[in-house]
Structure formats: C-alpha cells, structure tokens
C-alpha cells in the first residue's frame, strides 16, 4: 500500500512503477461512499473488452435474484440498517 498526496489543484501522483506496471495513462476513479477505487482505463477500451462476454452467462432467474439482493442491500444502506 502506498500513500499519495492530493495537491491543492486536486491532483494525485501515481508512482512511476505502478504506472509502468499497468501500462496506461488514464484511470477511473470510483467513489464507493467509504472508499475510493482507482482502476486503470485501457487506452483502447473496446479492444480490452473483446472476448469478455464469451461463454455462457447467468440465467435470467440468476440475474433477477442478484438484482433483488442488490436492491435490498442498497435500501438497507440507505436507511442505516447495515
């Protein structure tokens, strides 16, 4: 784990060895409420996604069940029940 400093202009420097490892110049920053997630963004997102949906996926019943579970969790977080 590394510590990064946020400049007055809101910039964060990512160490060079990490930038080289991921081989990208752009990142996605996701605010999860209690944490930030920084993920590399491929230079060509379409090429990076090629083949990612190959193979069998979840059934419609599985997708509905997962959606219901996520909705319940979101409501519990909203009302402070979790």
PDB file of N, CA and C in Angstrom:
ATOM      1  N   UNK A   1       0.855  -1.175   0.000  1.00  0.00           N
ATOM      2  CA  UNK A   1       0.000   0.000   0.000  1.00  0.00           C
ATOM      3  C   UNK A   1       0.894   1.228   0.000  1.00  0.00           C
ATOM      4  N   UNK A   2       0.503   2.202  -0.768  1.00  0.00           N
ATOM      5  CA  UNK A   2       1.264   3.438  -0.871  1.00  0.00           C
ATOM      6  C   UNK A   2       0.399   4.616  -0.438  1.00  0.00           C
ATOM      7  N   UNK A   3       1.029   5.645   0.054  1.00  0.00           N
ATOM      8  CA  UNK A   3       0.329   6.876   0.419  1.00  0.00           C
ATOM      9  C   UNK A   3       0.585   7.885  -0.684  1.00  0.00           C
ATOM     10  N   UNK A   4      -0.457   8.546  -1.153  1.00  0.00           N
ATOM     11  CA  UNK A   4      -0.336   9.589  -2.160  1.00  0.00           C
ATOM     12  C   UNK A   4      -0.886  10.883  -1.578  1.00  0.00           C
ATOM     13  N   UNK A   5      -0.339  11.987  -2.023  1.00  0.00           N
ATOM     14  CA  UNK A   5      -0.753  13.301  -1.539  1.00  0.00           C
ATOM     15  C   UNK A   5      -1.625  13.960  -2.610  1.00  0.00           C
ATOM     16  N   UNK A   6      -2.720  14.566  -2.183  1.00  0.00           N
ATOM     17  CA  UNK A   6      -3.593  15.303  -3.098  1.00  0.00           C
ATOM     18  C   UNK A   6      -3.138  16.755  -3.098  1.00  0.00           C
ATOM     19  N   UNK A   7      -2.816  17.283  -4.283  1.00  0.00           N
ATOM     20  CA  UNK A   7      -2.353  18.666  -4.384  1.00  0.00           C
ATOM     21  C   UNK A   7      -3.523  19.626  -4.183  1.00  0.00           C
ATOM     22  N   UNK A   8      -3.211  20.914  -4.042  1.00  0.00           N
ATOM     23  CA  UNK A   8      -4.270  21.912  -3.891  1.00  0.00           C
ATOM     24  C   UNK A   8      -5.167  21.954  -5.119  1.00  0.00           C
ATOM     25  N   UNK A   9      -4.623  21.550  -6.267  1.00  0.00           N
ATOM     26  CA  UNK A   9      -5.407  21.516  -7.502  1.00  0.00           C
ATOM     27  C   UNK A   9      -6.190  20.232  -7.673  1.00  0.00           C
ATOM     28  N   UNK A  10      -6.123  19.319  -6.678  1.00  0.00           N
ATOM     29  CA  UNK A  10      -6.873  18.077  -6.729  1.00  0.00           C
ATOM     30  C   UNK A  10      -6.174  16.951  -7.462  1.00  0.00           C
ATOM     31  N   UNK A  11      -4.886  17.090  -7.736  1.00  0.00           N
ATOM     32  CA  UNK A  11      -4.150  16.065  -8.464  1.00  0.00           C
ATOM     33  C   UNK A  11      -3.498  15.075  -7.507  1.00  0.00           C
ATOM     34  N   UNK A  12      -3.462  13.820  -7.941  1.00  0.00           N
ATOM     35  CA  UNK A  12      -2.806  12.762  -7.189  1.00  0.00           C
ATOM     36  C   UNK A  12      -1.754  12.150  -8.096  1.00  0.00           C
ATOM     37  N   UNK A  13      -0.533  12.003  -7.609  1.00  0.00           N
ATOM     38  CA  UNK A  13       0.523  11.374  -8.396  1.00  0.00           C
ATOM     39  C   UNK A  13       0.548   9.884  -8.115  1.00  0.00           C
ATOM     40  N   UNK A  14       0.541   9.107  -9.189  1.00  0.00           N
ATOM     41  CA  UNK A  14       0.639   7.657  -9.073  1.00  0.00           C
ATOM     42  C   UNK A  14       2.103   7.309  -9.314  1.00  0.00           C
ATOM     43  N   UNK A  15       2.730   6.559  -8.405  1.00  0.00           N
ATOM     44  CA  UNK A  15       4.147   6.239  -8.549  1.00  0.00           C
ATOM     45  C   UNK A  15       4.473   5.613  -9.906  1.00  0.00           C
ATOM     46  N   UNK A  16       5.657   5.939 -10.431  1.00  0.00           N
ATOM     47  CA  UNK A  16       6.057   5.512 -11.777  1.00  0.00           C
ATOM     48  C   UNK A  16       6.030   4.002 -11.946  1.00  0.00           C
ATOM     49  N   UNK A  17       6.472   3.244 -10.946  1.00  0.00           N
ATOM     50  CA  UNK A  17       6.495   1.787 -11.109  1.00  0.00           C
ATOM     51  C   UNK A  17       5.091   1.218 -11.258  1.00  0.00           C
ATOM     52  N   UNK A  18       4.120   1.821 -10.596  1.00  0.00           N
ATOM     53  CA  UNK A  18       2.726   1.375 -10.722  1.00  0.00           C
ATOM     54  C   UNK A  18       2.196   1.752 -12.099  1.00  0.00           C
ATOM     55  N   UNK A  19       2.495   2.969 -12.565  1.00  0.00           N
ATOM     56  CA  UNK A  19       2.052   3.379 -13.907  1.00  0.00           C
ATOM     57  C   UNK A  19       2.627   2.449 -14.974  1.00  0.00           C
ATOM     58  N   UNK A  20       3.906   2.106 -14.846  1.00  0.00           N
ATOM     59  CA  UNK A  20       4.533   1.200 -15.819  1.00  0.00           C
ATOM     60  C   UNK A  20       3.908  -0.183 -15.765  1.00  0.00           C
ATOM     61  N   UNK A  21       3.624  -0.663 -14.554  1.00  0.00           N
ATOM     62  CA  UNK A  21       3.034  -1.999 -14.409  1.00  0.00           C
ATOM     63  C   UNK A  21       1.704  -2.092 -15.138  1.00  0.00           C
ATOM     64  N   UNK A  22       0.858  -1.069 -14.993  1.00  0.00           N
ATOM     65  CA  UNK A  22      -0.463  -1.091 -15.600  1.00  0.00           C
ATOM     66  C   UNK A  22      -0.445  -0.608 -17.040  1.00  0.00           C
ATOM     67  N   UNK A  23       0.595   0.079 -17.463  1.00  0.00           N
ATOM     68  CA  UNK A  23       0.748   0.485 -18.854  1.00  0.00           C
ATOM     69  C   UNK A  23      -0.367   1.374 -19.376  1.00  0.00           C
ATOM     70  N   UNK A  24      -0.813   2.300 -18.574  1.00  0.00           N
ATOM     71  CA  UNK A  24      -1.887   3.197 -19.003  1.00  0.00           C
ATOM     72  C   UNK A  24      -1.606   4.603 -18.505  1.00  0.00           C
ATOM     73  N   UNK A  25      -2.229   5.558 -19.151  1.00  0.00           N
ATOM     74  CA  UNK A  25      -2.077   6.952 -18.733  1.00  0.00           C
ATOM     75  C   UNK A  25      -3.377   7.523 -18.196  1.00  0.00           C
ATOM     76  N   UNK A  26      -4.446   6.684 -18.198  1.00  0.00           N
ATOM     77  CA  UNK A  26      -5.742   7.142 -17.702  1.00  0.00           C
ATOM     78  C   UNK A  26      -6.276   6.151 -16.676  1.00  0.00           C
ATOM     79  N   UNK A  27      -7.034   6.667 -15.711  1.00  0.00           N
ATOM     80  CA  UNK A  27      -7.633   5.822 -14.679  1.00  0.00           C
ATOM     81  C   UNK A  27      -9.090   6.211 -14.485  1.00  0.00           C
ATOM     82  N   UNK A  28      -9.838   5.287 -13.901  1.00  0.00           N
ATOM     83  CA  UNK A  28     -11.213   5.534 -13.493  1.00  0.00           C
ATOM     84  C   UNK A  28     -11.193   5.677 -11.981  1.00  0.00           C
ATOM     85  N   UNK A  29     -11.845   6.697 -11.462  1.00  0.00           N
ATOM     86  CA  UNK A  29     -11.944   6.887 -10.022  1.00  0.00           C
ATOM     87  C   UNK A  29     -13.395   6.660  -9.635  1.00  0.00           C
ATOM     88  N   UNK A  30     -13.611   5.689  -8.749  1.00  0.00           N
ATOM     89  CA  UNK A  30     -14.965   5.324  -8.333  1.00  0.00           C
ATOM     90  C   UNK A  30     -15.141   5.642  -6.850  1.00  0.00           C
ATOM     91  N   UNK A  31     -16.141   6.443  -6.541  1.00  0.00           N
ATOM     92  CA  UNK A  31     -16.456   6.803  -5.154  1.00  0.00           C
ATOM     93  C   UNK A  31     -17.457   5.788  -4.627  1.00  0.00           C
ATOM     94  N   UNK A  32     -17.042   5.002  -3.659  1.00  0.00           N
ATOM     95  CA  UNK A  32     -17.924   3.984  -3.083  1.00  0.00           C
ATOM     96  C   UNK A  32     -18.501   4.416  -1.735  1.00  0.00           C
ATOM     97  N   UNK A  33     -18.469   5.686  -1.458  1.00  0.00           N
ATOM     98  CA  UNK A  33     -19.040   6.186  -0.210  1.00  0.00           C
ATOM     99  C   UNK A  33     -18.038   6.205   0.917  1.00  0.00           C
ATOM    100  N   UNK A  34     -17.470   5.054   1.237  1.00  0.00           N
ATOM    101  CA  UNK A  34     -16.488   4.985   2.321  1.00  0.00           C
ATOM    102  C   UNK A  34     -15.081   4.719   1.800  1.00  0.00           C
ATOM    103  N   UNK A  35     -14.929   4.658   0.479  1.00  0.00           N
ATOM    104  CA  UNK A  35     -13.612   4.432  -0.114  1.00  0.00           C
ATOM    105  C   UNK A  35     -13.594   4.919  -1.553  1.00  0.00           C
ATOM    106  N   UNK A  36     -12.392   5.118  -2.072  1.00  0.00           N
ATOM    107  CA  UNK A  36     -12.186   5.442  -3.475  1.00  0.00           C
ATOM    108  C   UNK A  36     -11.483   4.265  -4.116  1.00  0.00           C
ATOM    109  N   UNK A  37     -11.892   3.932  -5.318  1.00  0.00           N
ATOM    110  CA  UNK A  37     -11.238   2.864  -6.063  1.00  0.00           C
ATOM    111  C   UNK A  37     -10.672   3.496  -7.329  1.00  0.00           C
ATOM    112  N   UNK A  38      -9.376   3.307  -7.554  1.00  0.00           N
ATOM    113  CA  UNK A  38      -8.714   3.814  -8.748  1.00  0.00           C
ATOM    114  C   UNK A  38      -8.345   2.603  -9.591  1.00  0.00           C
ATOM    115  N   UNK A  39      -8.907   2.554 -10.813  1.00  0.00           N
ATOM    116  CA  UNK A  39      -8.642   1.423 -11.703  1.00  0.00           C
ATOM    117  C   UNK A  39      -8.081   1.932 -13.019  1.00  0.00           C
ATOM    118  N   UNK A  40      -7.166   1.177 -13.605  1.00  0.00           N
ATOM    119  CA  UNK A  40      -6.616   1.609 -14.894  1.00  0.00           C
ATOM    120  C   UNK A  40      -7.682   1.565 -15.975  1.00  0.00           C
ATOM    121  N   UNK A  41      -7.630   2.523 -16.872  1.00  0.00           N
ATOM    122  CA  UNK A  41      -8.528   2.577 -18.019  1.00  0.00           C
ATOM    123  C   UNK A  41      -7.682   2.272 -19.246  1.00  0.00           C
ATOM    124  N   UNK A  42      -7.985   1.196 -19.957  1.00  0.00           N
ATOM    125  CA  UNK A  42      -7.173   0.858 -21.130  1.00  0.00           C
ATOM    126  C   UNK A  42      -7.203   1.976 -22.164  1.00  0.00           C
ATOM    127  N   UNK A  43      -6.109   2.110 -22.909  1.00  0.00           N
ATOM    128  CA  UNK A  43      -6.064   3.130 -23.955  1.00  0.00           C
ATOM    129  C   UNK A  43      -7.125   2.858 -25.014  1.00  0.00           C
ATOM    130  N   UNK A  44      -7.429   1.579 -25.274  1.00  0.00           N
ATOM    131  CA  UNK A  44      -8.484   1.208 -26.211  1.00  0.00           C
ATOM    132  C   UNK A  44      -9.478   0.310 -25.482  1.00  0.00           C
ATOM    133  N   UNK A  45     -10.513   0.881 -24.844  1.00  0.00           N
ATOM    134  CA  UNK A  45     -11.452   0.090 -24.060  1.00  0.00           C
ATOM    135  C   UNK A  45     -12.197  -0.969 -24.879  1.00  0.00           C
ATOM    136  N   UNK A  46     -12.450  -0.685 -26.152  1.00  0.00           N
ATOM    137  CA  UNK A  46     -13.160  -1.648 -26.998  1.00  0.00           C
ATOM    138  C   UNK A  46     -12.295  -2.899 -27.186  1.00  0.00           C
ATOM    139  N   UNK A  47     -11.030  -2.709 -27.516  1.00  0.00           N
ATOM    140  CA  UNK A  47     -10.132  -3.843 -27.693  1.00  0.00           C
ATOM    141  C   UNK A  47      -9.984  -4.627 -26.394  1.00  0.00           C
ATOM    142  N   UNK A  48      -9.893  -3.927 -25.269  1.00  0.00           N
ATOM    143  CA  UNK A  48      -9.736  -4.592 -23.975  1.00  0.00           C
ATOM    144  C   UNK A  48     -10.960  -5.428 -23.619  1.00  0.00           C
ATOM    145  N   UNK A  49     -12.137  -5.022 -24.106  1.00  0.00           N
ATOM    146  CA  UNK A  49     -13.373  -5.743 -23.780  1.00  0.00           C
ATOM    147  C   UNK A  49     -13.636  -6.922 -24.711  1.00  0.00           C
ATOM    148  N   UNK A  50     -12.928  -6.997 -25.802  1.00  0.00           N
ATOM    149  CA  UNK A  50     -13.142  -8.075 -26.772  1.00  0.00           C
ATOM    150  C   UNK A  50     -13.012  -9.437 -26.088  1.00  0.00           C
ATOM    151  N   UNK A  51     -14.024 -10.266 -26.240  1.00  0.00           N
ATOM    152  CA  UNK A  51     -13.996 -11.609 -25.685  1.00  0.00           C
ATOM    153  C   UNK A  51     -14.428 -11.706 -24.236  1.00  0.00           C
ATOM    154  N   UNK A  52     -14.675 -10.581 -23.586  1.00  0.00           N
ATOM    155  CA  UNK A  52     -15.013 -10.633 -22.166  1.00  0.00           C
ATOM    156  C   UNK A  52     -16.398 -11.230 -21.913  1.00  0.00           C
ATOM    157  N   UNK A  53     -17.248 -11.234 -22.929  1.00  0.00           N
ATOM    158  CA  UNK A  53     -18.593 -11.779 -22.761  1.00  0.00           C
ATOM    159  C   UNK A  53     -18.739 -13.158 -23.389  1.00  0.00           C
ATOM    160  N   UNK A  54     -17.634 -13.744 -23.792  1.00  0.00           N
ATOM    161  CA  UNK A  54     -17.682 -15.068 -24.406  1.00  0.00           C
ATOM    162  C   UNK A  54     -18.077 -16.113 -23.366  1.00  0.00           C
ATOM    163  N   UNK A  55     -18.773 -17.116 -23.813  1.00  0.00           N
ATOM    164  CA  UNK A  55     -19.159 -18.200 -22.919  1.00  0.00           C
ATOM    165  C   UNK A  55     -20.526 -17.977 -22.325  1.00  0.00           C
ATOM    166  N   UNK A  56     -21.000 -18.968 -21.600  1.00  0.00           N
ATOM    167  CA  UNK A  56     -22.340 -18.863 -21.014  1.00  0.00           C
ATOM    168  C   UNK A  56     -22.381 -17.842 -19.873  1.00  0.00           C
ATOM    169  N   UNK A  57     -23.453 -17.125 -19.809  1.00  0.00           N
ATOM    170  CA  UNK A  57     -23.634 -16.140 -18.745  1.00  0.00           C
ATOM    171  C   UNK A  57     -24.670 -16.623 -17.756  1.00  0.00           C
ATOM    172  N   UNK A  58     -25.028 -15.773 -16.816  1.00  0.00           N
ATOM    173  CA  UNK A  58     -26.042 -16.167 -15.836  1.00  0.00           C
ATOM    174  C   UNK A  58     -27.420 -16.288 -16.493  1.00  0.00           C
ATOM    175  N   UNK A  59     -28.251 -17.104 -15.909  1.00  0.00           N
ATOM    176  CA  UNK A  59     -29.622 -17.239 -16.408  1.00  0.00           C
ATOM    177  C   UNK A  59     -30.425 -16.013 -15.991  1.00  0.00           C
ATOM    178  N   UNK A  60     -31.594 -15.840 -16.600  1.00  0.00           N
ATOM    179  CA  UNK A  60     -32.429 -14.695 -16.248  1.00  0.00           C
ATOM    180  C   UNK A  60     -32.884 -14.782 -14.787  1.00  0.00           C
ATOM    181  N   UNK A  61     -33.124 -15.994 -14.294  1.00  0.00           N
ATOM    182  CA  UNK A  61     -33.503 -16.153 -12.885  1.00  0.00           C
ATOM    183  C   UNK A  61     -32.363 -15.724 -11.963  1.00  0.00           C
ATOM    184  N   UNK A  62     -31.146 -16.087 -12.317  1.00  0.00           N
ATOM    185  CA  UNK A  62     -29.988 -15.690 -11.508  1.00  0.00           C
ATOM    186  C   UNK A  62     -29.805 -14.176 -11.531  1.00  0.00           C
ATOM    187  N   UNK A  63     -29.992 -13.569 -12.690  1.00  0.00           N
ATOM    188  CA  UNK A  63     -29.866 -12.115 -12.802  1.00  0.00           C
ATOM    189  C   UNK A  63     -30.925 -11.403 -11.964  1.00  0.00           C
ATOM    190  N   UNK A  64     -32.174 -11.891 -12.005  1.00  0.00           N
ATOM    191  CA  UNK A  64     -33.241 -11.282 -11.192  1.00  0.00           C
ATOM    192  C   UNK A  64     -32.944 -11.418  -9.706  1.00  0.00           C
ATOM    193  N   UNK A  65     -32.473 -12.597  -9.271  1.00  0.00           N
ATOM    194  CA  UNK A  65     -32.137 -12.816  -7.874  1.00  0.00           C
ATOM    195  C   UNK A  65     -31.020 -11.859  -7.433  1.00  0.00           C
ATOM    196  N   UNK A  66     -29.979 -11.731  -8.259  1.00  0.00           N
ATOM    197  CA  UNK A  66     -28.881 -10.839  -7.927  1.00  0.00           C
ATOM    198  C   UNK A  66     -29.361  -9.389  -7.848  1.00  0.00           C
ATOM    199  N   UNK A  67     -30.207  -8.989  -8.788  1.00  0.00           N
ATOM    200  CA  UNK A  67     -30.740  -7.628  -8.776  1.00  0.00           C
ATOM    201  C   UNK A  67     -31.537  -7.365  -7.499  1.00  0.00           C
ATOM    202  N   UNK A  68     -32.404  -8.316  -7.113  1.00  0.00           N
ATOM    203  CA  UNK A  68     -33.195  -8.153  -5.885  1.00  0.00           C
ATOM    204  C   UNK A  68     -32.288  -8.032  -4.661  1.00  0.00           C
ATOM    205  N   UNK A  69     -31.243  -8.864  -4.595  1.00  0.00           N
ATOM    206  CA  UNK A  69     -30.315  -8.799  -3.460  1.00  0.00           C
ATOM    207  C   UNK A  69     -29.612  -7.445  -3.404  1.00  0.00           C
ATOM    208  N   UNK A  70     -29.193  -6.933  -4.560  1.00  0.00           N
ATOM    209  CA  UNK A  70     -28.521  -5.630  -4.599  1.00  0.00           C
ATOM    210  C   UNK A  70     -29.472  -4.513  -4.190  1.00  0.00           C
ATOM    211  N   UNK A  71     -30.717  -4.602  -4.598  1.00  0.00           N
ATOM    212  CA  UNK A  71     -31.705  -3.591  -4.217  1.00  0.00           C
ATOM    213  C   UNK A  71     -31.962  -3.610  -2.714  1.00  0.00           C
ATOM    214  N   UNK A  72     -32.041  -4.783  -2.129  1.00  0.00           N
ATOM    215  CA  UNK A  72     -32.243  -4.905  -0.681  1.00  0.00           C
ATOM    216  C   UNK A  72     -31.056  -4.302   0.063  1.00  0.00           C
ATOM    217  N   UNK A  73     -29.837  -4.630  -0.384  1.00  0.00           N
ATOM    218  CA  UNK A  73     -28.635  -4.072   0.254  1.00  0.00           C
ATOM    219  C   UNK A  73     -28.612  -2.553   0.154  1.00  0.00           C
ATOM    220  N   UNK A  74     -28.980  -2.012  -1.015  1.00  0.00           N
ATOM    221  CA  UNK A  74     -28.990  -0.557  -1.191  1.00  0.00           C
ATOM    222  C   UNK A  74     -29.999   0.100  -0.260  1.00  0.00           C
ATOM    223  N   UNK A  75     -31.164  -0.494  -0.118  1.00  0.00           N
ATOM    224  CA  UNK A  75     -32.177   0.058   0.788  1.00  0.00           C
ATOM    225  C   UNK A  75     -31.711  -0.017   2.239  1.00  0.00           C
ATOM    226  N   UNK A  76     -31.079  -1.110   2.608  1.00  0.00           N
ATOM    227  CA  UNK A  76     -30.573  -1.236   3.984  1.00  0.00           C
ATOM    228  C   UNK A  76     -29.498  -0.204   4.254  1.00  0.00           C
ATOM    229  N   UNK A  77     -28.600   0.026   3.291  1.00  0.00           N
ATOM    230  CA  UNK A  77     -27.573   1.058   3.470  1.00  0.00           C
ATOM    231  C   UNK A  77     -28.208   2.443   3.553  1.00  0.00           C
ATOM    232  N   UNK A  78     -29.223   2.665   2.729  1.00  0.00           N
ATOM    233  CA  UNK A  78     -29.901   3.960   2.711  1.00  0.00           C
ATOM    234  C   UNK A  78     -30.517   4.282   4.054  1.00  0.00           C
ATOM    235  N   UNK A  79     -31.104   3.289   4.701  1.00  0.00           N
ATOM    236  CA  UNK A  79     -31.785   3.512   5.969  1.00  0.00           C
ATOM    237  C   UNK A  79     -30.934   3.165   7.169  1.00  0.00           C
ATOM    238  N   UNK A  80     -29.636   2.880   6.929  1.00  0.00           N
ATOM    239  CA  UNK A  80     -28.705   2.617   8.041  1.00  0.00           C
ATOM    240  C   UNK A  80     -28.940   1.301   8.735  1.00  0.00           C
ATOM    241  N   UNK A  81     -29.485   0.340   8.038  1.00  0.00           N
ATOM    242  CA  UNK A  81     -29.750  -0.962   8.647  1.00  0.00           C
ATOM    243  C   UNK A  81     -28.575  -1.915   8.505  1.00  0.00           C
ATOM    244  N   UNK A  82     -27.561  -1.504   7.772  1.00  0.00           N
ATOM    245  CA  UNK A  82     -26.367  -2.328   7.577  1.00  0.00           C
ATOM    246  C   UNK A  82     -25.150  -1.640   8.039  1.00  0.00           C
TER     247      UNK A  82
END
